[in-house]
């Protein structure tokens, strides 16, 4: 998956914005103001995605390209190396999981607003 495919996939999700709160080199994708994906714009060597803690541990054991989240809460975030070892379908599933976890944690009011978008 290249950076444009990643960007397009994230932005196609309901209620998603692209922001640069950490500087011009790090793009952050948020749903209703909550982060679910981060990536380096210049290098695009990896992405950070939210994950259920139990699944995060299993993924790290199963795939060398998946490590604890760099500069993130390592219990809830994974860094996924974009080295070609994981296929696009699998990466899209990881993005979906991250998005869904964040949506699940939204307040009732935020969820209602999201459904109206």
PDB file of N, CA and C in Angstrom:
ATOM      1  N   UNK A   1       0.853  -1.182   0.000  1.00  0.00           N
ATOM      2  CA  UNK A   1       0.000   0.000   0.000  1.00  0.00           C
ATOM      3  C   UNK A   1       0.890   1.234   0.000  1.00  0.00           C
ATOM      4  N   UNK A   2       0.587   2.147  -0.880  1.00  0.00           N
ATOM      5  CA  UNK A   2       1.367   3.384  -0.911  1.00  0.00           C
ATOM      6  C   UNK A   2       0.639   4.467  -0.105  1.00  0.00           C
ATOM      7  N   UNK A   3       1.280   5.594   0.032  1.00  0.00           N
ATOM      8  CA  UNK A   3       0.740   6.655   0.881  1.00  0.00           C
ATOM      9  C   UNK A   3      -0.590   7.193   0.364  1.00  0.00           C
ATOM     10  N   UNK A   4      -0.756   7.287  -0.934  1.00  0.00           N
ATOM     11  CA  UNK A   4      -2.010   7.800  -1.488  1.00  0.00           C
ATOM     12  C   UNK A   4      -3.163   6.831  -1.248  1.00  0.00           C
ATOM     13  N   UNK A   5      -2.895   5.531  -1.390  1.00  0.00           N
ATOM     14  CA  UNK A   5      -3.935   4.537  -1.113  1.00  0.00           C
ATOM     15  C   UNK A   5      -4.321   4.564   0.368  1.00  0.00           C
ATOM     16  N   UNK A   6      -3.323   4.680   1.237  1.00  0.00           N
ATOM     17  CA  UNK A   6      -3.570   4.759   2.677  1.00  0.00           C
ATOM     18  C   UNK A   6      -4.418   5.989   2.991  1.00  0.00           C
ATOM     19  N   UNK A   7      -3.998   7.102   2.463  1.00  0.00           N
ATOM     20  CA  UNK A   7      -4.688   8.377   2.705  1.00  0.00           C
ATOM     21  C   UNK A   7      -6.130   8.311   2.212  1.00  0.00           C
ATOM     22  N   UNK A   8      -6.332   7.839   1.003  1.00  0.00           N
ATOM     23  CA  UNK A   8      -7.673   7.747   0.420  1.00  0.00           C
ATOM     24  C   UNK A   8      -8.568   6.812   1.227  1.00  0.00           C
ATOM     25  N   UNK A   9      -8.009   5.692   1.656  1.00  0.00           N
ATOM     26  CA  UNK A   9      -8.799   4.725   2.416  1.00  0.00           C
ATOM     27  C   UNK A   9      -9.258   5.320   3.743  1.00  0.00           C
ATOM     28  N   UNK A  10      -8.359   6.001   4.426  1.00  0.00           N
ATOM     29  CA  UNK A  10      -8.709   6.624   5.712  1.00  0.00           C
ATOM     30  C   UNK A  10      -9.748   7.725   5.522  1.00  0.00           C
ATOM     31  N   UNK A  11      -9.537   8.580   4.541  1.00  0.00           N
ATOM     32  CA  UNK A  11     -10.435   9.719   4.328  1.00  0.00           C
ATOM     33  C   UNK A  11     -11.824   9.304   3.837  1.00  0.00           C
ATOM     34  N   UNK A  12     -11.950   8.117   3.271  1.00  0.00           N
ATOM     35  CA  UNK A  12     -13.245   7.646   2.783  1.00  0.00           C
ATOM     36  C   UNK A  12     -14.178   7.232   3.918  1.00  0.00           C
ATOM     37  N   UNK A  13     -13.644   7.077   5.102  1.00  0.00           N
ATOM     38  CA  UNK A  13     -14.457   6.664   6.241  1.00  0.00           C
ATOM     39  C   UNK A  13     -15.272   7.838   6.777  1.00  0.00           C
ATOM     40  N   UNK A  14     -16.419   7.530   7.290  1.00  0.00           N
ATOM     41  CA  UNK A  14     -17.360   8.549   7.772  1.00  0.00           C
ATOM     42  C   UNK A  14     -16.772   9.361   8.918  1.00  0.00           C
ATOM     43  N   UNK A  15     -16.854  10.700   8.790  1.00  0.00           N
ATOM     44  CA  UNK A  15     -16.455  11.598   9.862  1.00  0.00           C
ATOM     45  C   UNK A  15     -14.960  11.791  10.038  1.00  0.00           C
ATOM     46  N   UNK A  16     -14.158  11.368   9.061  1.00  0.00           N
ATOM     47  CA  UNK A  16     -12.700  11.418   9.203  1.00  0.00           C
ATOM     48  C   UNK A  16     -12.137  12.746   8.701  1.00  0.00           C
ATOM     49  N   UNK A  17     -11.174  13.248   9.463  1.00  0.00           N
ATOM     50  CA  UNK A  17     -10.416  14.432   9.061  1.00  0.00           C
ATOM     51  C   UNK A  17      -8.934  14.080   9.045  1.00  0.00           C
ATOM     52  N   UNK A  18      -8.194  14.800   8.212  1.00  0.00           N
ATOM     53  CA  UNK A  18      -6.746  14.665   8.158  1.00  0.00           C
ATOM     54  C   UNK A  18      -6.159  15.925   8.779  1.00  0.00           C
ATOM     55  N   UNK A  19      -5.276  15.753   9.752  1.00  0.00           N
ATOM     56  CA  UNK A  19      -4.691  16.884  10.459  1.00  0.00           C
ATOM     57  C   UNK A  19      -3.189  16.689  10.621  1.00  0.00           C
ATOM     58  N   UNK A  20      -2.510  17.763  11.005  1.00  0.00           N
ATOM     59  CA  UNK A  20      -1.066  17.733  11.212  1.00  0.00           C
ATOM     60  C   UNK A  20      -0.712  18.369  12.563  1.00  0.00           C
ATOM     61  N   UNK A  21      -1.226  17.802  13.668  1.00  0.00           N
ATOM     62  CA  UNK A  21      -0.998  18.416  14.985  1.00  0.00           C
ATOM     63  C   UNK A  21       0.434  18.279  15.502  1.00  0.00           C
ATOM     64  N   UNK A  22       1.204  17.367  14.935  1.00  0.00           N
ATOM     65  CA  UNK A  22       2.573  17.124  15.402  1.00  0.00           C
ATOM     66  C   UNK A  22       3.627  17.673  14.452  1.00  0.00           C
ATOM     67  N   UNK A  23       3.219  18.500  13.518  1.00  0.00           N
ATOM     68  CA  UNK A  23       4.144  19.054  12.538  1.00  0.00           C
ATOM     69  C   UNK A  23       3.788  18.588  11.140  1.00  0.00           C
ATOM     70  N   UNK A  24       4.443  19.205  10.161  1.00  0.00           N
ATOM     71  CA  UNK A  24       4.144  18.944   8.755  1.00  0.00           C
ATOM     72  C   UNK A  24       4.476  17.534   8.287  1.00  0.00           C
ATOM     73  N   UNK A  25       5.327  16.835   9.020  1.00  0.00           N
ATOM     74  CA  UNK A  25       5.755  15.512   8.565  1.00  0.00           C
ATOM     75  C   UNK A  25       4.868  14.362   9.025  1.00  0.00           C
ATOM     76  N   UNK A  26       3.948  14.599   9.972  1.00  0.00           N
ATOM     77  CA  UNK A  26       3.111  13.520  10.492  1.00  0.00           C
ATOM     78  C   UNK A  26       1.638  13.805  10.246  1.00  0.00           C
ATOM     79  N   UNK A  27       1.038  12.998   9.359  1.00  0.00           N
ATOM     80  CA  UNK A  27      -0.388  13.154   9.127  1.00  0.00           C
ATOM     81  C   UNK A  27      -1.139  12.259  10.105  1.00  0.00           C
ATOM     82  N   UNK A  28      -2.219  12.828  10.639  1.00  0.00           N
ATOM     83  CA  UNK A  28      -3.024  12.148  11.639  1.00  0.00           C
ATOM     84  C   UNK A  28      -4.462  12.090  11.135  1.00  0.00           C
ATOM     85  N   UNK A  29      -5.061  10.917  11.241  1.00  0.00           N
ATOM     86  CA  UNK A  29      -6.451  10.736  10.849  1.00  0.00           C
ATOM     87  C   UNK A  29      -7.289  10.569  12.102  1.00  0.00           C
ATOM     88  N   UNK A  30      -8.356  11.381  12.158  1.00  0.00           N
ATOM     89  CA  UNK A  30      -9.231  11.383  13.324  1.00  0.00           C
ATOM     90  C   UNK A  30     -10.671  11.174  12.881  1.00  0.00           C
ATOM     91  N   UNK A  31     -11.418  10.516  13.761  1.00  0.00           N
ATOM     92  CA  UNK A  31     -12.859  10.427  13.588  1.00  0.00           C
ATOM     93  C   UNK A  31     -13.480  11.130  14.788  1.00  0.00           C
ATOM     94  N   UNK A  32     -14.277  12.148  14.514  1.00  0.00           N
ATOM     95  CA  UNK A  32     -14.910  12.945  15.562  1.00  0.00           C
ATOM     96  C   UNK A  32     -13.875  13.466  16.559  1.00  0.00           C
ATOM     97  N   UNK A  33     -12.717  13.852  16.036  1.00  0.00           N
ATOM     98  CA  UNK A  33     -11.667  14.443  16.857  1.00  0.00           C
ATOM     99  C   UNK A  33     -10.770  13.465  17.592  1.00  0.00           C
ATOM    100  N   UNK A  34     -10.956  12.161  17.385  1.00  0.00           N
ATOM    101  CA  UNK A  34     -10.146  11.140  18.064  1.00  0.00           C
ATOM    102  C   UNK A  34      -9.261  10.411  17.056  1.00  0.00           C
ATOM    103  N   UNK A  35      -7.976  10.300  17.378  1.00  0.00           N
ATOM    104  CA  UNK A  35      -7.016   9.670  16.469  1.00  0.00           C
ATOM    105  C   UNK A  35      -7.271   8.173  16.284  1.00  0.00           C
ATOM    106  N   UNK A  36      -7.131   7.728  15.030  1.00  0.00           N
ATOM    107  CA  UNK A  36      -7.146   6.288  14.772  1.00  0.00           C
ATOM    108  C   UNK A  36      -5.996   5.847  13.863  1.00  0.00           C
ATOM    109  N   UNK A  37      -5.290   6.799  13.250  1.00  0.00           N
ATOM    110  CA  UNK A  37      -4.159   6.444  12.380  1.00  0.00           C
ATOM    111  C   UNK A  37      -3.192   7.616  12.266  1.00  0.00           C
ATOM    112  N   UNK A  38      -1.898   7.288  12.225  1.00  0.00           N
ATOM    113  CA  UNK A  38      -0.844   8.283  12.043  1.00  0.00           C
ATOM    114  C   UNK A  38       0.168   7.723  11.055  1.00  0.00           C
ATOM    115  N   UNK A  39       0.771   8.609  10.275  1.00  0.00           N
ATOM    116  CA  UNK A  39       1.808   8.172   9.333  1.00  0.00           C
ATOM    117  C   UNK A  39       2.748   9.323   9.017  1.00  0.00           C
ATOM    118  N   UNK A  40       3.980   8.971   8.697  1.00  0.00           N
ATOM    119  CA  UNK A  40       4.981   9.953   8.281  1.00  0.00           C
ATOM    120  C   UNK A  40       4.761  10.276   6.808  1.00  0.00           C
ATOM    121  N   UNK A  41       4.602  11.545   6.501  1.00  0.00           N
ATOM    122  CA  UNK A  41       4.317  11.978   5.141  1.00  0.00           C
ATOM    123  C   UNK A  41       5.515  11.762   4.215  1.00  0.00           C
ATOM    124  N   UNK A  42       6.698  12.095   4.680  1.00  0.00           N
ATOM    125  CA  UNK A  42       7.886  12.059   3.827  1.00  0.00           C
ATOM    126  C   UNK A  42       8.358  10.649   3.495  1.00  0.00           C
ATOM    127  N   UNK A  43       8.467   9.798   4.500  1.00  0.00           N
ATOM    128  CA  UNK A  43       9.036   8.471   4.290  1.00  0.00           C
ATOM    129  C   UNK A  43       7.995   7.368   4.094  1.00  0.00           C
ATOM    130  N   UNK A  44       6.868   7.470   4.766  1.00  0.00           N
ATOM    131  CA  UNK A  44       5.814   6.460   4.763  1.00  0.00           C
ATOM    132  C   UNK A  44       6.382   5.051   4.912  1.00  0.00           C
ATOM    133  N   UNK A  45       7.217   4.896   5.930  1.00  0.00           N
ATOM    134  CA  UNK A  45       7.791   3.583   6.218  1.00  0.00           C
ATOM    135  C   UNK A  45       6.921   2.767   7.166  1.00  0.00           C
ATOM    136  N   UNK A  46       6.060   3.456   7.921  1.00  0.00           N
ATOM    137  CA  UNK A  46       5.195   2.760   8.868  1.00  0.00           C
ATOM    138  C   UNK A  46       3.978   3.616   9.168  1.00  0.00           C
ATOM    139  N   UNK A  47       2.962   2.969   9.746  1.00  0.00           N
ATOM    140  CA  UNK A  47       1.767   3.668  10.223  1.00  0.00           C
ATOM    141  C   UNK A  47       1.474   3.173  11.634  1.00  0.00           C
ATOM    142  N   UNK A  48       0.892   4.042  12.440  1.00  0.00           N
ATOM    143  CA  UNK A  48       0.449   3.660  13.778  1.00  0.00           C
ATOM    144  C   UNK A  48      -1.061   3.514  13.750  1.00  0.00           C
ATOM    145  N   UNK A  49      -1.540   2.378  14.285  1.00  0.00           N
ATOM    146  CA  UNK A  49      -2.963   2.090  14.296  1.00  0.00           C
ATOM    147  C   UNK A  49      -3.376   1.570  15.665  1.00  0.00           C
ATOM    148  N   UNK A  50      -4.559   1.967  16.095  1.00  0.00           N
ATOM    149  CA  UNK A  50      -5.091   1.508  17.371  1.00  0.00           C
ATOM    150  C   UNK A  50      -5.497   0.043  17.240  1.00  0.00           C
ATOM    151  N   UNK A  51      -5.410  -0.689  18.364  1.00  0.00           N
ATOM    152  CA  UNK A  51      -5.724  -2.104  18.324  1.00  0.00           C
ATOM    153  C   UNK A  51      -6.174  -2.566  19.702  1.00  0.00           C
ATOM    154  N   UNK A  52      -7.049  -3.550  19.745  1.00  0.00           N
ATOM    155  CA  UNK A  52      -7.418  -4.185  20.999  1.00  0.00           C
ATOM    156  C   UNK A  52      -6.155  -4.790  21.610  1.00  0.00           C
ATOM    157  N   UNK A  53      -5.922  -4.594  22.915  1.00  0.00           N
ATOM    158  CA  UNK A  53      -4.669  -5.066  23.523  1.00  0.00           C
ATOM    159  C   UNK A  53      -4.358  -6.551  23.296  1.00  0.00           C
ATOM    160  N   UNK A  54      -5.360  -7.414  23.392  1.00  0.00           N
ATOM    161  CA  UNK A  54      -5.101  -8.848  23.184  1.00  0.00           C
ATOM    162  C   UNK A  54      -4.740  -9.134  21.729  1.00  0.00           C
ATOM    163  N   UNK A  55      -5.480  -8.526  20.807  1.00  0.00           N
ATOM    164  CA  UNK A  55      -5.179  -8.719  19.393  1.00  0.00           C
ATOM    165  C   UNK A  55      -3.824  -8.121  19.041  1.00  0.00           C
ATOM    166  N   UNK A  56      -3.502  -6.973  19.656  1.00  0.00           N
ATOM    167  CA  UNK A  56      -2.213  -6.324  19.393  1.00  0.00           C
ATOM    168  C   UNK A  56      -1.068  -7.273  19.705  1.00  0.00           C
ATOM    169  N   UNK A  57      -1.152  -7.943  20.828  1.00  0.00           N
ATOM    170  CA  UNK A  57      -0.095  -8.880  21.224  1.00  0.00           C
ATOM    171  C   UNK A  57      -0.006 -10.049  20.242  1.00  0.00           C
ATOM    172  N   UNK A  58      -1.133 -10.582  19.826  1.00  0.00           N
ATOM    173  CA  UNK A  58      -1.133 -11.698  18.865  1.00  0.00           C
ATOM    174  C   UNK A  58      -0.546 -11.278  17.524  1.00  0.00           C
ATOM    175  N   UNK A  59      -0.914 -10.087  17.063  1.00  0.00           N
ATOM    176  CA  UNK A  59      -0.381  -9.597  15.790  1.00  0.00           C
ATOM    177  C   UNK A  59       1.130  -9.425  15.857  1.00  0.00           C
ATOM    178  N   UNK A  60       1.623  -8.907  16.973  1.00  0.00           N
ATOM    179  CA  UNK A  60       3.070  -8.713  17.132  1.00  0.00           C
ATOM    180  C   UNK A  60       3.817 -10.037  17.130  1.00  0.00           C
ATOM    181  N   UNK A  61       3.198 -11.063  17.703  1.00  0.00           N
ATOM    182  CA  UNK A  61       3.829 -12.389  17.725  1.00  0.00           C
ATOM    183  C   UNK A  61       3.812 -13.043  16.345  1.00  0.00           C
ATOM    184  N   UNK A  62       2.789 -12.735  15.564  1.00  0.00           N
ATOM    185  CA  UNK A  62       2.588 -13.401  14.278  1.00  0.00           C
ATOM    186  C   UNK A  62       3.263 -12.724  13.093  1.00  0.00           C
ATOM    187  N   UNK A  63       3.462 -11.406  13.175  1.00  0.00           N
ATOM    188  CA  UNK A  63       3.972 -10.656  12.033  1.00  0.00           C
ATOM    189  C   UNK A  63       5.156  -9.790  12.444  1.00  0.00           C
ATOM    190  N   UNK A  64       6.333 -10.056  11.905  1.00  0.00           N
ATOM    191  CA  UNK A  64       7.507  -9.232  12.234  1.00  0.00           C
ATOM    192  C   UNK A  64       7.331  -7.755  11.885  1.00  0.00           C
ATOM    193  N   UNK A  65       6.461  -7.441  10.927  1.00  0.00           N
ATOM    194  CA  UNK A  65       6.248  -6.055  10.500  1.00  0.00           C
ATOM    195  C   UNK A  65       5.330  -5.281  11.451  1.00  0.00           C
ATOM    196  N   UNK A  66       4.816  -5.944  12.479  1.00  0.00           N
ATOM    197  CA  UNK A  66       3.940  -5.282  13.450  1.00  0.00           C
ATOM    198  C   UNK A  66       4.635  -5.264  14.801  1.00  0.00           C
ATOM    199  N   UNK A  67       4.836  -4.058  15.310  1.00  0.00           N
ATOM    200  CA  UNK A  67       5.559  -3.840  16.567  1.00  0.00           C
ATOM    201  C   UNK A  67       4.731  -2.964  17.498  1.00  0.00           C
ATOM    202  N   UNK A  68       5.116  -2.879  18.771  1.00  0.00           N
ATOM    203  CA  UNK A  68       4.416  -1.952  19.674  1.00  0.00           C
ATOM    204  C   UNK A  68       4.460  -0.531  19.115  1.00  0.00           C
ATOM    205  N   UNK A  69       3.410   0.219  19.358  1.00  0.00           N
ATOM    206  CA  UNK A  69       3.268   1.560  18.802  1.00  0.00           C
ATOM    207  C   UNK A  69       4.414   2.490  19.164  1.00  0.00           C
ATOM    208  N   UNK A  70       5.083   3.005  18.159  1.00  0.00           N
ATOM    209  CA  UNK A  70       6.192   3.936  18.330  1.00  0.00           C
ATOM    210  C   UNK A  70       5.643   5.273  18.823  1.00  0.00           C
ATOM    211  N   UNK A  71       6.142   5.727  19.953  1.00  0.00           N
ATOM    212  CA  UNK A  71       5.711   6.991  20.578  1.00  0.00           C
ATOM    213  C   UNK A  71       4.227   6.990  20.947  1.00  0.00           C
ATOM    214  N   UNK A  72       3.666   5.811  21.166  1.00  0.00           N
ATOM    215  CA  UNK A  72       2.242   5.692  21.498  1.00  0.00           C
ATOM    216  C   UNK A  72       2.112   4.767  22.711  1.00  0.00           C
ATOM    217  N   UNK A  73       0.905   4.675  23.252  1.00  0.00           N
ATOM    218  CA  UNK A  73       0.624   3.722  24.310  1.00  0.00           C
ATOM    219  C   UNK A  73       0.756   2.322  23.703  1.00  0.00           C
ATOM    220  N   UNK A  74       1.770   1.609  24.107  1.00  0.00           N
ATOM    221  CA  UNK A  74       2.099   0.332  23.480  1.00  0.00           C
ATOM    222  C   UNK A  74       1.072  -0.763  23.746  1.00  0.00           C
ATOM    223  N   UNK A  75       0.229  -0.552  24.713  1.00  0.00           N
ATOM    224  CA  UNK A  75      -0.837  -1.514  24.998  1.00  0.00           C
ATOM    225  C   UNK A  75      -1.941  -1.422  23.936  1.00  0.00           C
ATOM    226  N   UNK A  76      -2.207  -0.219  23.449  1.00  0.00           N
ATOM    227  CA  UNK A  76      -3.344   0.014  22.569  1.00  0.00           C
ATOM    228  C   UNK A  76      -2.983   0.379  21.130  1.00  0.00           C
ATOM    229  N   UNK A  77      -1.708   0.543  20.835  1.00  0.00           N
ATOM    230  CA  UNK A  77      -1.302   0.967  19.491  1.00  0.00           C
ATOM    231  C   UNK A  77      -0.206   0.059  18.942  1.00  0.00           C
ATOM    232  N   UNK A  78      -0.284  -0.209  17.655  1.00  0.00           N
ATOM    233  CA  UNK A  78       0.753  -0.938  16.936  1.00  0.00           C
ATOM    234  C   UNK A  78       1.354  -0.053  15.856  1.00  0.00           C
ATOM    235  N   UNK A  79       2.633  -0.245  15.615  1.00  0.00           N
ATOM    236  CA  UNK A  79       3.283   0.334  14.454  1.00  0.00           C
ATOM    237  C   UNK A  79       3.373  -0.763  13.402  1.00  0.00           C
ATOM    238  N   UNK A  80       2.850  -0.471  12.220  1.00  0.00           N
ATOM    239  CA  UNK A  80       2.831  -1.428  11.115  1.00  0.00           C
ATOM    240  C   UNK A  80       3.822  -0.946  10.064  1.00  0.00           C
ATOM    241  N   UNK A  81       4.864  -1.731   9.853  1.00  0.00           N
ATOM    242  CA  UNK A  81       5.879  -1.396   8.856  1.00  0.00           C
ATOM    243  C   UNK A  81       5.289  -1.578   7.461  1.00  0.00           C
ATOM    244  N   UNK A  82       5.464  -0.573   6.630  1.00  0.00           N
ATOM    245  CA  UNK A  82       4.958  -0.615   5.259  1.00  0.00           C
ATOM    246  C   UNK A  82       6.066  -1.112   4.334  1.00  0.00           C
ATOM    247  N   UNK A  83       6.547  -2.316   4.627  1.00  0.00           N
ATOM    248  CA  UNK A  83       7.695  -2.881   3.909  1.00  0.00           C
ATOM    249  C   UNK A  83       7.303  -3.868   2.815  1.00  0.00           C
ATOM    250  N   UNK A  84       6.003  -4.007   2.568  1.00  0.00           N
ATOM    251  CA  UNK A  84       5.541  -4.920   1.526  1.00  0.00           C
ATOM    252  C   UNK A  84       5.280  -6.327   2.013  1.00  0.00           C
ATOM    253  N   UNK A  85       5.567  -6.628   3.265  1.00  0.00           N
ATOM    254  CA  UNK A  85       5.368  -7.988   3.764  1.00  0.00           C
ATOM    255  C   UNK A  85       3.907  -8.277   4.118  1.00  0.00           C
ATOM    256  N   UNK A  86       3.094  -7.230   4.280  1.00  0.00           N
ATOM    257  CA  UNK A  86       1.670  -7.393   4.579  1.00  0.00           C
ATOM    258  C   UNK A  86       0.868  -6.910   3.375  1.00  0.00           C
ATOM    259  N   UNK A  87      -0.121  -7.697   2.958  1.00  0.00           N
ATOM    260  CA  UNK A  87      -0.868  -7.275   1.769  1.00  0.00           C
ATOM    261  C   UNK A  87      -1.861  -6.162   2.103  1.00  0.00           C
ATOM    262  N   UNK A  88      -2.293  -5.468   1.072  1.00  0.00           N
ATOM    263  CA  UNK A  88      -3.163  -4.304   1.232  1.00  0.00           C
ATOM    264  C   UNK A  88      -4.475  -4.649   1.928  1.00  0.00           C
ATOM    265  N   UNK A  89      -5.026  -5.809   1.612  1.00  0.00           N
ATOM    266  CA  UNK A  89      -6.290  -6.225   2.232  1.00  0.00           C
ATOM    267  C   UNK A  89      -6.122  -6.341   3.752  1.00  0.00           C
ATOM    268  N   UNK A  90      -5.024  -6.903   4.186  1.00  0.00           N
ATOM    269  CA  UNK A  90      -4.750  -7.053   5.619  1.00  0.00           C
ATOM    270  C   UNK A  90      -4.551  -5.683   6.272  1.00  0.00           C
ATOM    271  N   UNK A  91      -3.844  -4.796   5.617  1.00  0.00           N
ATOM    272  CA  UNK A  91      -3.626  -3.446   6.158  1.00  0.00           C
ATOM    273  C   UNK A  91      -4.953  -2.697   6.246  1.00  0.00           C
ATOM    274  N   UNK A  92      -5.808  -2.855   5.243  1.00  0.00           N
ATOM    275  CA  UNK A  92      -7.129  -2.212   5.300  1.00  0.00           C
ATOM    276  C   UNK A  92      -7.933  -2.746   6.490  1.00  0.00           C
ATOM    277  N   UNK A  93      -7.804  -4.035   6.772  1.00  0.00           N
ATOM    278  CA  UNK A  93      -8.505  -4.612   7.930  1.00  0.00           C
ATOM    279  C   UNK A  93      -7.992  -4.001   9.223  1.00  0.00           C
ATOM    280  N   UNK A  94      -6.680  -3.796   9.317  1.00  0.00           N
ATOM    281  CA  UNK A  94      -6.104  -3.162  10.509  1.00  0.00           C
ATOM    282  C   UNK A  94      -6.599  -1.718  10.657  1.00  0.00           C
ATOM    283  N   UNK A  95      -6.709  -1.007   9.541  1.00  0.00           N
ATOM    284  CA  UNK A  95      -7.240   0.363   9.565  1.00  0.00           C
ATOM    285  C   UNK A  95      -8.703   0.336  10.021  1.00  0.00           C
ATOM    286  N   UNK A  96      -9.479  -0.589   9.480  1.00  0.00           N
ATOM    287  CA  UNK A  96     -10.892  -0.715   9.856  1.00  0.00           C
ATOM    288  C   UNK A  96     -11.039  -0.972  11.353  1.00  0.00           C
ATOM    289  N   UNK A  97     -10.212  -1.870  11.872  1.00  0.00           N
ATOM    290  CA  UNK A  97     -10.256  -2.194  13.295  1.00  0.00           C
ATOM    291  C   UNK A  97      -9.948  -0.965  14.135  1.00  0.00           C
ATOM    292  N   UNK A  98      -8.935  -0.216  13.739  1.00  0.00           N
ATOM    293  CA  UNK A  98      -8.551   0.990  14.468  1.00  0.00           C
ATOM    294  C   UNK A  98      -9.701   1.997  14.473  1.00  0.00           C
ATOM    295  N   UNK A  99     -10.270   2.240  13.317  1.00  0.00           N
ATOM    296  CA  UNK A  99     -11.396   3.171  13.182  1.00  0.00           C
ATOM    297  C   UNK A  99     -12.571   2.708  14.056  1.00  0.00           C
ATOM    298  N   UNK A 100     -12.916   1.426  13.952  1.00  0.00           N
ATOM    299  CA  UNK A 100     -14.064   0.891  14.690  1.00  0.00           C
ATOM    300  C   UNK A 100     -13.857   0.989  16.200  1.00  0.00           C
ATOM    301  N   UNK A 101     -12.648   0.752  16.670  1.00  0.00           N
ATOM    302  CA  UNK A 101     -12.366   0.880  18.107  1.00  0.00           C
ATOM    303  C   UNK A 101     -12.566   2.307  18.593  1.00  0.00           C
ATOM    304  N   UNK A 102     -12.129   3.262  17.794  1.00  0.00           N
ATOM    305  CA  UNK A 102     -12.298   4.664  18.182  1.00  0.00           C
ATOM    306  C   UNK A 102     -13.776   5.038  18.169  1.00  0.00           C
ATOM    307  N   UNK A 103     -14.501   4.626  17.141  1.00  0.00           N
ATOM    308  CA  UNK A 103     -15.933   4.921  17.067  1.00  0.00           C
ATOM    309  C   UNK A 103     -16.660   4.297  18.260  1.00  0.00           C
ATOM    310  N   UNK A 104     -16.292   3.087  18.603  1.00  0.00           N
ATOM    311  CA  UNK A 104     -16.912   2.396  19.744  1.00  0.00           C
ATOM    312  C   UNK A 104     -16.741   3.197  21.043  1.00  0.00           C
ATOM    313  N   UNK A 105     -15.632   3.902  21.174  1.00  0.00           N
ATOM    314  CA  UNK A 105     -15.346   4.670  22.376  1.00  0.00           C
ATOM    315  C   UNK A 105     -15.915   6.077  22.389  1.00  0.00           C
ATOM    316  N   UNK A 106     -16.584   6.483  21.310  1.00  0.00           N
ATOM    317  CA  UNK A 106     -17.174   7.818  21.262  1.00  0.00           C
ATOM    318  C   UNK A 106     -18.368   7.921  22.211  1.00  0.00           C
ATOM    319  N   UNK A 107     -18.676   9.117  22.596  1.00  0.00           N
ATOM    320  CA  UNK A 107     -19.860   9.331  23.423  1.00  0.00           C
ATOM    321  C   UNK A 107     -21.110   9.086  22.592  1.00  0.00           C
ATOM    322  N   UNK A 108     -22.234   8.927  23.259  1.00  0.00           N
ATOM    323  CA  UNK A 108     -23.501   8.710  22.567  1.00  0.00           C
ATOM    324  C   UNK A 108     -23.795   9.877  21.621  1.00  0.00           C
ATOM    325  N   UNK A 109     -23.553  11.089  22.099  1.00  0.00           N
ATOM    326  CA  UNK A 109     -23.787  12.280  21.281  1.00  0.00           C
ATOM    327  C   UNK A 109     -22.891  12.283  20.038  1.00  0.00           C
ATOM    328  N   UNK A 110     -21.610  11.941  20.214  1.00  0.00           N
ATOM    329  CA  UNK A 110     -20.691  11.893  19.072  1.00  0.00           C
ATOM    330  C   UNK A 110     -21.121  10.828  18.067  1.00  0.00           C
ATOM    331  N   UNK A 111     -21.560   9.674  18.562  1.00  0.00           N
ATOM    332  CA  UNK A 111     -22.026   8.608  17.671  1.00  0.00           C
ATOM    333  C   UNK A 111     -23.248   9.051  16.885  1.00  0.00           C
ATOM    334  N   UNK A 112     -24.161   9.762  17.545  1.00  0.00           N
ATOM    335  CA  UNK A 112     -25.355  10.262  16.854  1.00  0.00           C
ATOM    336  C   UNK A 112     -24.967  11.265  15.771  1.00  0.00           C
ATOM    337  N   UNK A 113     -24.014  12.150  16.082  1.00  0.00           N
ATOM    338  CA  UNK A 113     -23.542  13.106  15.077  1.00  0.00           C
ATOM    339  C   UNK A 113     -22.893  12.399  13.906  1.00  0.00           C
ATOM    340  N   UNK A 114     -22.136  11.370  14.195  1.00  0.00           N
ATOM    341  CA  UNK A 114     -21.447  10.610  13.146  1.00  0.00           C
ATOM    342  C   UNK A 114     -22.457   9.959  12.194  1.00  0.00           C
ATOM    343  N   UNK A 115     -23.532   9.435  12.729  1.00  0.00           N
ATOM    344  CA  UNK A 115     -24.524   8.781  11.862  1.00  0.00           C
ATOM    345  C   UNK A 115     -25.222   9.778  10.952  1.00  0.00           C
ATOM    346  N   UNK A 116     -25.221  11.052  11.328  1.00  0.00           N
ATOM    347  CA  UNK A 116     -25.883  12.077  10.523  1.00  0.00           C
ATOM    348  C   UNK A 116     -24.993  12.642   9.420  1.00  0.00           C
ATOM    349  N   UNK A 117     -23.729  12.282   9.430  1.00  0.00           N
ATOM    350  CA  UNK A 117     -22.799  12.800   8.422  1.00  0.00           C
ATOM    351  C   UNK A 117     -22.961  12.081   7.090  1.00  0.00           C
TER     352      UNK A 117
END
